[in-house]
C-alpha cells in the first residue's frame, strides 16, 4: 500500500470524478436547465400553515439568566 493505492483515490487523497455520486448510483445526466413540473403535494408541505415568526410583543418577557463577572444588570 503505497502512494495513491487506495481504490479510486488519487495520490493526494481526493476521489476521481466518475460522473456518479457516492450517495446514488445514478449518473448526472439530468437536464437541470429545464424546470420541474409543479408538485401540489410539495407546495402544500412547504407553504401551507401559519408561520408564527417572532412575537415582538413578548420579546421582553423571555427569561434570561446572566452569570459571570461584570454582567449587565
Protein backbone atom coordinates (compact mmCIF):
# COMPACT_ATOMS: atom_id res chain seq x y z
CA UNK A 1 0.00 0.00 0.00
CA UNK A 2 1.94 2.90 -1.27
CA UNK A 3 1.22 6.36 -2.53
CA UNK A 4 -2.20 6.52 -4.23
CA UNK A 5 -3.05 2.86 -3.88
CA UNK A 6 -6.45 3.03 -2.13
CA UNK A 7 -9.27 2.37 -4.58
CA UNK A 8 -10.23 5.32 -6.71
CA UNK A 9 -8.34 7.91 -4.69
CA UNK A 10 -5.67 10.00 -6.29
CA UNK A 11 -2.25 10.30 -4.72
CA UNK A 12 -3.41 13.37 -2.80
CA UNK A 13 -6.39 11.75 -1.03
CA UNK A 14 -9.03 13.11 -3.43
CA UNK A 15 -11.54 10.92 -5.24
CA UNK A 16 -11.68 10.81 -9.01
CA UNK A 17 -14.91 12.14 -10.51
CA UNK A 18 -16.61 9.30 -12.34
CA UNK A 19 -19.95 11.02 -13.05
CA UNK A 20 -21.62 9.16 -10.19
CA UNK A 21 -22.45 10.41 -6.74
CA UNK A 22 -21.25 8.42 -3.78
CA UNK A 23 -24.82 8.62 -2.43
CA UNK A 24 -26.56 7.45 -5.58
CA UNK A 25 -25.87 5.08 -8.44
CA UNK A 26 -27.50 7.46 -10.93
CA UNK A 27 -25.18 9.43 -13.18
CA UNK A 28 -25.51 13.21 -13.50
CA UNK A 29 -27.32 13.12 -16.87
CA UNK A 30 -30.38 15.12 -15.71
CA UNK A 31 -31.03 18.38 -17.58
CA UNK A 32 -31.23 20.93 -14.75
CA UNK A 33 -31.79 23.83 -17.20
CA UNK A 34 -35.47 22.80 -17.50
CA UNK A 35 -37.75 23.45 -14.51
CA UNK A 36 -39.53 20.52 -12.94
CA UNK A 37 -43.33 20.38 -13.15
CA UNK A 38 -45.19 21.82 -10.15
CA UNK A 39 -45.89 19.45 -7.27
CA UNK A 40 -49.08 20.23 -5.37
CA UNK A 41 -48.01 17.96 -2.50
CA UNK A 42 -44.61 19.64 -2.15
CA UNK A 43 -46.08 23.15 -2.35
CA UNK A 44 -48.60 22.29 0.37
CA UNK A 45 -45.87 20.82 2.53
CA UNK A 46 -43.66 23.88 2.18
CA UNK A 47 -46.14 26.75 2.14
CA UNK A 48 -49.30 25.69 3.98
CA UNK A 49 -49.90 26.56 7.58
CA UNK A 50 -49.05 29.67 9.51
CA UNK A 51 -45.62 30.96 10.27
CA UNK A 52 -45.54 32.34 13.78
CA UNK A 53 -42.21 34.09 13.40
CA UNK A 54 -41.06 36.31 16.26
CA UNK A 55 -43.68 37.81 18.55
CA UNK A 56 -42.04 41.13 19.39
CA UNK A 57 -44.87 41.94 21.82
CA UNK A 58 -43.49 39.24 24.15
CA UNK A 59 -39.82 39.76 23.34
CA UNK A 60 -39.04 41.38 26.71
CA UNK A 61 -40.82 38.54 28.57
CA UNK A 62 -38.20 35.94 27.56
CA UNK A 63 -36.47 34.75 30.76
CA UNK A 64 -32.71 35.35 30.71
CA UNK A 65 -30.12 34.37 33.30
CA UNK A 66 -26.70 36.02 33.21
CA UNK A 67 -23.70 34.75 35.16
CA UNK A 68 -20.05 35.65 35.32
CA UNK A 69 -18.00 38.76 36.08
CA UNK A 70 -19.10 42.27 35.05
CA UNK A 71 -22.54 41.14 33.83
CA UNK A 72 -25.10 43.81 32.95
CA UNK A 73 -27.96 44.15 35.46
